[in-house]
Protein backbone atom coordinates (compact mmCIF):
# COMPACT_ATOMS: atom_id res chain seq x y z
CA MET A 1 -43.04 2.07 46.81
CA ALA A 2 -45.35 3.28 43.92
CA LEU A 3 -49.15 3.66 44.09
CA VAL A 4 -51.20 0.79 42.53
CA THR A 5 -54.71 0.93 40.92
CA ILE A 6 -56.45 -2.39 41.19
CA ILE A 7 -59.45 -2.70 38.65
CA ILE A 8 -62.16 -5.08 39.15
CA VAL A 9 -64.89 -5.39 36.38
CA ASN A 10 -68.25 -6.78 37.83
CA HIS A 11 -71.32 -7.90 36.44
CA ASN A 12 -73.87 -9.21 38.99
CA GLY A 13 -70.79 -10.47 40.91
CA SER A 14 -72.33 -9.65 44.56
CA SER A 15 -71.83 -13.31 45.77
CA LEU A 16 -67.98 -13.02 44.64
CA LEU A 17 -67.00 -9.68 46.02
CA ASP A 18 -66.75 -10.84 49.79
CA ASP A 19 -63.80 -12.98 48.87
CA CYS A 20 -62.22 -10.81 46.41
CA LEU A 21 -62.47 -7.60 48.32
CA ASN A 22 -61.59 -8.83 51.80
CA SER A 23 -58.38 -10.35 50.43
CA LEU A 24 -57.42 -6.86 49.26
CA VAL A 25 -58.12 -5.42 52.64
CA ALA A 26 -55.91 -8.28 54.28
CA GLN A 27 -52.80 -7.12 51.76
CA ILE A 28 -49.51 -6.25 53.43
CA PHE A 29 -48.89 -3.64 50.68
CA THR A 30 -51.11 -0.97 51.36
CA ASN A 31 -50.42 1.82 48.87
CA TYR A 32 -53.23 1.06 46.65
CA GLU A 33 -56.54 2.27 45.40
CA VAL A 34 -59.34 -0.07 43.98
CA ILE A 35 -61.81 0.83 41.15
CA LEU A 36 -64.70 -1.32 40.75
CA VAL A 37 -66.20 -1.01 37.12
CA ASP A 38 -69.61 -2.18 37.32
CA ASN A 39 -71.38 -3.41 34.03
CA ARG A 40 -74.88 -2.51 34.97
CA SER A 41 -75.43 -5.13 37.71
CA THR A 42 -78.78 -5.86 38.79
CA ASP A 43 -77.99 -7.36 41.90
CA ASN A 44 -76.46 -5.58 45.05
CA SER A 45 -73.01 -5.58 43.65
CA VAL A 46 -72.30 -1.89 44.17
CA GLN A 47 -73.78 -1.87 47.75
CA THR A 48 -71.79 -5.02 48.80
CA ALA A 49 -68.68 -3.42 47.40
CA ALA A 50 -69.08 -0.18 49.37
CA ARG A 51 -69.99 -1.98 52.65
CA ILE A 52 -66.68 -4.20 52.50
CA LEU A 53 -64.33 -1.32 51.26
CA PRO A 54 -65.48 2.13 51.89
CA THR A 55 -62.67 3.64 50.18
CA ILE A 56 -63.50 1.87 46.74
CA LYS A 57 -64.33 3.94 43.59
CA ILE A 58 -67.08 2.53 41.79
CA LEU A 59 -67.75 3.46 38.35
CA SER A 60 -71.47 2.38 37.47
CA LEU A 61 -71.92 1.80 33.72
CA SER A 62 -75.40 2.23 32.18
CA GLU A 63 -74.70 -1.19 29.98
CA ASN A 64 -72.83 -4.05 30.13
CA THR A 65 -69.78 -3.07 28.15
CA GLY A 66 -67.91 -6.26 28.12
CA TRP A 67 -64.57 -6.97 29.83
CA ALA A 68 -62.25 -4.95 27.37
CA LYS A 69 -64.20 -1.63 27.42
CA ALA A 70 -64.98 -1.82 31.24
CA ASN A 71 -61.26 -2.41 31.73
CA ASN A 72 -60.34 0.60 29.66
CA ILE A 73 -62.58 2.87 31.61
CA GLY A 74 -61.00 1.77 34.90
CA ILE A 75 -57.21 2.27 33.35
CA ARG A 76 -58.33 5.94 32.04
CA SER A 77 -59.37 6.52 35.62
CA ALA A 78 -56.12 5.37 37.29
CA ASN A 79 -53.31 8.04 38.15
CA SER A 80 -50.99 5.56 39.15
CA GLU A 81 -47.70 3.94 37.76
CA PHE A 82 -49.05 0.39 37.90
CA VAL A 83 -52.26 -0.94 37.22
CA ILE A 84 -53.32 -4.44 38.13
CA LEU A 85 -56.29 -6.10 36.91
CA LEU A 86 -58.13 -8.58 39.16
CA ASN A 87 -61.13 -10.58 38.39
CA ASN A 88 -64.14 -10.54 40.90
CA ASP A 89 -63.91 -14.36 41.19
CA THR A 90 -60.30 -14.23 42.82
CA HIS A 91 -58.80 -14.19 46.31
CA ALA A 92 -55.49 -12.67 46.49
CA ASP A 93 -52.76 -14.05 49.01
CA PRO A 94 -51.68 -11.39 51.65
CA ASN A 95 -48.25 -10.84 49.81
CA PHE A 96 -49.91 -10.78 46.30
CA LEU A 97 -49.42 -7.04 45.95
CA LEU A 98 -46.09 -6.73 47.62
CA GLU A 99 -44.44 -9.50 45.50
CA LEU A 100 -45.92 -8.01 42.29
CA VAL A 101 -44.69 -4.33 42.94
CA ARG A 102 -41.37 -4.86 44.34
CA THR A 103 -40.44 -7.38 41.58
CA VAL A 104 -41.22 -4.71 38.63
CA GLU A 105 -40.78 -1.48 40.18
CA GLY A 106 -36.98 -1.27 39.64
CA ASN A 107 -36.91 -2.49 36.04
CA PRO A 108 -38.38 0.42 33.76
CA ARG A 109 -38.38 -2.31 30.72
CA VAL A 110 -40.88 -4.42 32.41
CA GLY A 111 -44.21 -3.54 31.12
CA MET A 112 -46.34 -6.67 32.26
CA ALA A 113 -46.12 -9.28 35.20
CA ALA A 114 -47.93 -12.61 35.67
CA PRO A 115 -48.55 -14.02 38.91
CA LYS A 116 -49.25 -17.66 40.00
CA ILE A 117 -52.95 -18.48 39.88
CA LEU A 118 -54.25 -21.40 41.56
CA ASN A 119 -57.53 -23.09 41.69
CA PHE A 120 -59.65 -21.58 44.52
CA TYR A 121 -61.38 -24.80 45.75
CA ASP A 122 -58.44 -26.83 45.38
CA PRO A 123 -55.25 -24.95 45.84
CA THR A 124 -52.92 -27.43 44.83
CA LEU A 125 -54.12 -27.44 41.15
CA ILE A 126 -52.74 -24.71 38.83
CA ASP A 127 -54.78 -22.37 36.84
CA SER A 128 -51.50 -20.63 35.37
CA VAL A 129 -48.37 -19.73 36.46
CA GLY A 130 -46.33 -17.20 34.56
CA GLY A 131 -49.35 -16.45 32.32
CA LEU A 132 -50.52 -18.15 29.20
CA LEU A 133 -49.06 -20.20 26.49
CA ILE A 134 -50.17 -19.73 23.07
CA CYS A 135 -51.14 -22.16 20.04
CA ARG A 136 -50.25 -21.95 16.49
CA ASP A 137 -53.78 -20.38 15.78
CA GLY A 138 -53.43 -17.77 18.20
CA ILE A 139 -55.74 -19.41 21.16
CA ALA A 140 -54.12 -19.41 24.60
CA GLN A 141 -54.00 -21.26 27.79
CA GLY A 142 -52.58 -20.99 31.12
CA GLN A 143 -49.21 -22.45 31.81
CA GLY A 144 -49.45 -25.46 33.87
CA ARG A 145 -53.32 -25.58 33.67
CA GLY A 146 -54.56 -28.65 35.67
CA GLU A 147 -51.41 -29.75 36.96
CA ILE A 148 -50.83 -30.15 40.74
CA ASP A 149 -48.49 -27.45 41.91
CA LYS A 150 -45.16 -28.81 43.22
CA GLY A 151 -43.21 -25.82 42.50
CA GLN A 152 -42.45 -27.09 39.18
CA TYR A 153 -42.79 -23.55 37.60
CA ASP A 154 -41.60 -21.32 40.56
CA HIS A 155 -38.04 -20.96 38.97
CA LEU A 156 -39.77 -19.03 35.96
CA GLN A 157 -38.56 -15.49 35.25
CA GLU A 158 -40.03 -14.59 31.91
CA ALA A 159 -43.65 -14.59 30.58
CA LEU A 160 -45.31 -13.92 27.24
CA ILE A 161 -49.02 -13.29 28.01
CA PRO A 162 -50.20 -12.44 31.58
CA SER A 163 -53.65 -13.63 32.23
CA GLY A 164 -56.38 -10.93 32.35
CA CYS A 165 -57.65 -12.62 35.37
CA ALA A 166 -54.95 -11.26 37.51
CA ALA A 167 -52.15 -9.25 35.79
CA LEU A 168 -49.98 -6.01 36.37
CA TYR A 169 -49.51 -3.36 33.80
CA ARG A 170 -47.27 -0.63 33.63
CA LYS A 171 -49.25 2.53 32.64
CA ALA A 172 -46.53 3.82 30.52
CA MET A 173 -46.82 0.84 28.27
CA LEU A 174 -50.50 1.05 28.03
CA ASN A 175 -50.29 4.70 27.06
CA GLU A 176 -47.72 3.88 24.33
CA ILE A 177 -49.34 0.77 22.72
CA GLY A 178 -53.10 1.58 23.41
CA PHE A 179 -55.45 -0.31 25.77
CA PHE A 180 -57.42 -3.38 25.11
CA ASP A 181 -59.42 -3.56 21.61
CA GLU A 182 -63.07 -3.13 22.51
CA SER A 183 -64.17 -5.05 19.48
CA PHE A 184 -63.06 -8.34 21.42
CA PHE A 185 -65.81 -7.72 24.22
CA ALA A 186 -64.44 -10.52 26.30
CA TYR A 187 -61.65 -13.17 25.95
CA CYS A 188 -58.36 -13.15 24.30
CA GLU A 189 -57.96 -9.28 24.66
CA ASP A 190 -55.15 -9.94 27.26
CA SER A 191 -53.41 -11.96 24.68
CA ASP A 192 -53.58 -9.12 22.12
CA LEU A 193 -52.48 -6.65 24.41
CA ALA A 194 -49.41 -8.44 25.48
CA LEU A 195 -48.37 -9.21 21.97
CA ARG A 196 -48.63 -5.71 21.04
CA GLY A 197 -46.43 -5.08 24.07
CA LEU A 198 -43.96 -7.63 22.85
CA TRP A 199 -43.72 -5.82 19.37
CA ALA A 200 -43.14 -2.57 21.02
CA GLY A 201 -39.96 -4.05 22.87
CA TRP A 202 -41.74 -4.21 26.44
CA VAL A 203 -40.91 -7.15 28.66
CA ALA A 204 -43.36 -9.60 30.39
CA ILE A 205 -41.96 -11.38 33.58
CA ALA A 206 -43.36 -14.25 35.67
CA VAL A 207 -43.82 -13.58 39.37
CA PRO A 208 -44.77 -17.15 40.91
CA LYS A 209 -44.29 -15.75 44.69
CA ALA A 210 -47.38 -13.30 43.92
CA ILE A 211 -50.26 -15.69 44.33
CA VAL A 212 -53.85 -15.34 43.63
CA TYR A 213 -56.67 -18.19 43.89
CA HIS A 214 -59.06 -18.21 41.16
CA LYS A 215 -62.94 -19.63 41.14
CA TYR A 216 -62.46 -20.44 37.17
CA SER A 217 -65.03 -19.34 35.19
CA ALA A 218 -67.54 -18.56 38.14
CA THR A 219 -68.44 -15.35 36.20
CA SER A 220 -68.93 -16.54 32.75
CA GLY A 221 -69.47 -20.20 33.12
CA ASP A 222 -67.39 -23.01 31.62
CA TYR A 223 -67.99 -23.58 27.84
CA SER A 224 -71.21 -21.90 27.39
CA PRO A 225 -72.11 -21.15 23.80
CA VAL A 226 -71.37 -17.47 24.32
CA LYS A 227 -67.98 -18.01 25.76
CA LEU A 228 -67.16 -20.55 22.93
CA TYR A 229 -68.31 -17.91 20.32
CA LEU A 230 -66.08 -15.19 21.79
CA VAL A 231 -62.99 -17.43 22.08
CA GLU A 232 -63.00 -18.98 18.73
CA ARG A 233 -63.75 -15.46 17.07
CA ASN A 234 -61.28 -13.66 19.04
CA HIS A 235 -58.36 -15.96 18.71
CA PHE A 236 -58.44 -15.16 15.06
CA TYR A 237 -58.32 -11.42 15.92
CA VAL A 238 -55.21 -12.06 17.95
CA ALA A 239 -53.52 -13.91 15.23
CA ILE A 240 -54.26 -11.64 12.32
CA ARG A 241 -53.49 -8.55 14.34
CA ASN A 242 -50.07 -9.63 15.73
CA PHE A 243 -48.64 -12.67 13.95
CA PRO A 244 -46.13 -12.17 11.06
CA VAL A 245 -47.76 -12.17 7.81
CA TRP A 246 -46.39 -15.53 6.82
CA MET A 247 -48.00 -17.26 9.57
CA ILE A 248 -51.45 -16.08 8.93
CA PRO A 249 -52.42 -18.29 5.81
CA LEU A 250 -52.16 -21.26 8.03
CA LEU A 251 -54.40 -20.05 10.70
CA PRO A 252 -57.48 -22.25 9.20
CA VAL A 253 -55.50 -25.27 8.85
CA TRP A 254 -54.08 -25.16 12.67
CA THR A 255 -57.66 -24.41 13.83
CA SER A 256 -59.13 -27.21 11.88
CA TYR A 257 -56.45 -29.61 13.15
CA ARG A 258 -57.68 -28.47 16.70
CA TYR A 259 -61.25 -29.10 15.89
CA VAL A 260 -60.54 -32.76 14.87
CA LEU A 261 -58.74 -32.99 18.22
CA MET A 262 -61.83 -31.92 19.97
CA VAL A 263 -64.25 -34.03 18.27
CA VAL A 264 -61.86 -36.90 19.41
CA ALA A 265 -61.97 -35.52 22.78
CA VAL A 266 -65.79 -35.55 23.04
CA PHE A 267 -66.07 -39.22 21.64
CA THR A 268 -63.34 -40.35 24.17
CA ASN A 269 -64.44 -38.34 27.00
CA ARG A 270 -61.30 -36.71 27.60
CA GLY A 271 -59.81 -33.21 28.24
CA LYS A 272 -62.14 -30.56 26.49
CA GLY A 273 -64.68 -33.54 25.89
CA VAL A 274 -65.37 -33.51 29.51
CA ALA A 275 -65.72 -29.96 29.58
CA LEU A 276 -68.46 -30.00 26.78
CA GLU A 277 -70.57 -32.24 28.76
CA GLY A 278 -74.20 -31.05 29.56
CA THR A 279 -74.09 -28.50 26.84
CA ARG A 280 -76.14 -28.93 23.81
CA SER A 281 -74.13 -29.75 20.88
CA LEU A 282 -76.30 -27.93 18.35
CA ASP A 283 -75.91 -24.76 20.29
CA LEU A 284 -71.97 -25.30 20.54
CA LEU A 285 -71.97 -25.88 16.65
CA SER A 286 -73.96 -22.70 16.28
CA ALA A 287 -71.83 -20.76 18.15
CA LEU A 288 -68.46 -22.15 16.45
CA LEU A 289 -69.96 -21.42 12.92
CA ARG A 290 -70.93 -17.75 13.91
CA ALA A 291 -67.52 -17.50 15.45
CA GLN A 292 -66.01 -18.42 11.97
CA CYS A 293 -68.01 -16.44 9.79
CA HIS A 294 -67.78 -13.20 11.79
CA ALA A 295 -63.88 -13.48 12.17
CA ALA A 296 -63.86 -14.06 8.41
CA PHE A 297 -65.75 -10.95 7.76
CA ARG A 298 -63.32 -9.02 10.02
CA VAL A 299 -60.06 -10.11 8.46
CA TRP A 300 -59.45 -6.97 6.31
CA PRO A 301 -60.25 -4.44 9.26
CA LYS A 302 -58.05 -6.46 11.64
CA LEU A 303 -54.88 -6.42 9.11
CA LEU A 304 -55.53 -2.55 8.99
CA LYS A 305 -55.37 -2.66 12.89
CA ARG A 306 -52.01 -4.61 13.14
CA ALA A 307 -49.73 -3.69 15.98
CA GLY A 308 -48.45 -0.21 15.20
CA ILE A 309 -45.14 0.12 17.26
CA ARG A 310 -42.68 -2.52 16.14
CA ARG A 311 -39.33 -2.40 17.89
CA ILE A 312 -38.22 -5.95 17.13
CA SER A 313 -38.27 -7.98 13.83
CA GLY A 314 -40.66 -10.54 12.78
CA LYS A 315 -38.16 -13.16 13.15
CA GLN A 316 -37.50 -12.19 16.76
CA PHE A 317 -41.28 -11.92 17.32
CA ALA A 318 -41.81 -15.61 15.76
CA GLN A 319 -38.97 -16.92 17.96
CA ARG A 320 -40.35 -15.39 21.13
CA ILE A 321 -43.85 -16.89 20.74
CA LYS A 322 -42.11 -20.29 19.77
CA GLU A 323 -40.53 -20.25 23.20
CA PHE A 324 -43.92 -20.18 24.82
CA ARG A 325 -45.90 -22.27 22.29
CA LEU A 326 -48.58 -24.71 23.47
CA SER A 327 -49.22 -27.96 21.42
CA MET A 328 -52.64 -28.59 20.16
CA ARG A 329 -52.76 -31.75 21.91
CA ARG A 330 -51.93 -30.51 25.09
CA MET A 331 -54.57 -27.64 24.68
CA VAL A 332 -57.18 -30.18 23.90
CA PHE A 333 -56.36 -33.29 26.20
CA ASN A 334 -54.54 -31.39 28.72
CA ARG A 335 -51.60 -33.57 28.46
């Protein structure tokens, strides 16, 4: 089987690396290399990684470049046919690599693959299966997020957006369409990359037999103002860069509708309202307003950077994302 490069971006994640790297040591598929891209950690992450996996290649950066740029640096250092991105807050099942590689290796049209991601602390709960679903304003969420895993998604064969938490990419696709957009810094760049791949005619598939366990938001924290700012800015970037032009004018309308639902969730203590508990509302509001302003100022530059390779029509693209659409109510209330 082909050589695989696993890229792990890390920033002060020493406490997370034991689970992550030891799960790679235990893989049944062994034809892989691991690259740790360290975003200027101040803890002992580098020493921890070298101790657990002496063969690991460590790229120590002089600053925290963000998730997108750090992964791009890792991808450029990979000489393999396939690249697997893996968060440092994950634990891979022993069959994880084997199932991913043998599913995609024989099909050159497959550019991306999305595994089953379960909650590390409660493996009966789904983080995502078969990647992400997307709302009308470009924001995305894991398919099945928060549901009890009863195998209800194990039949899936197709995907739209593999979650950057754990995803396989064919290097040939990345070389053709370009790597992650580094202006995103973090969050939503996996959606942008996958949609550019869709425009270029590449196929994304679901591989539910490949399982990884995720300590959700262990690195970034759940709904911090920084995370909220990046997500609320970047989903506009995704839509402006990739959605057919007739869908773009409605983006503010759909986002406003989602905000109304989020206000309802806060006051009724449901869904995203529960997730926002404990965070100062003024900090969140400030992050939200800054995200809107910055996204508005970047509309024209992002329009100029729209997906360049287009082998499918706008109608075909719109139909494809409709198949993987997530309702706003599901996004906010998790039901």
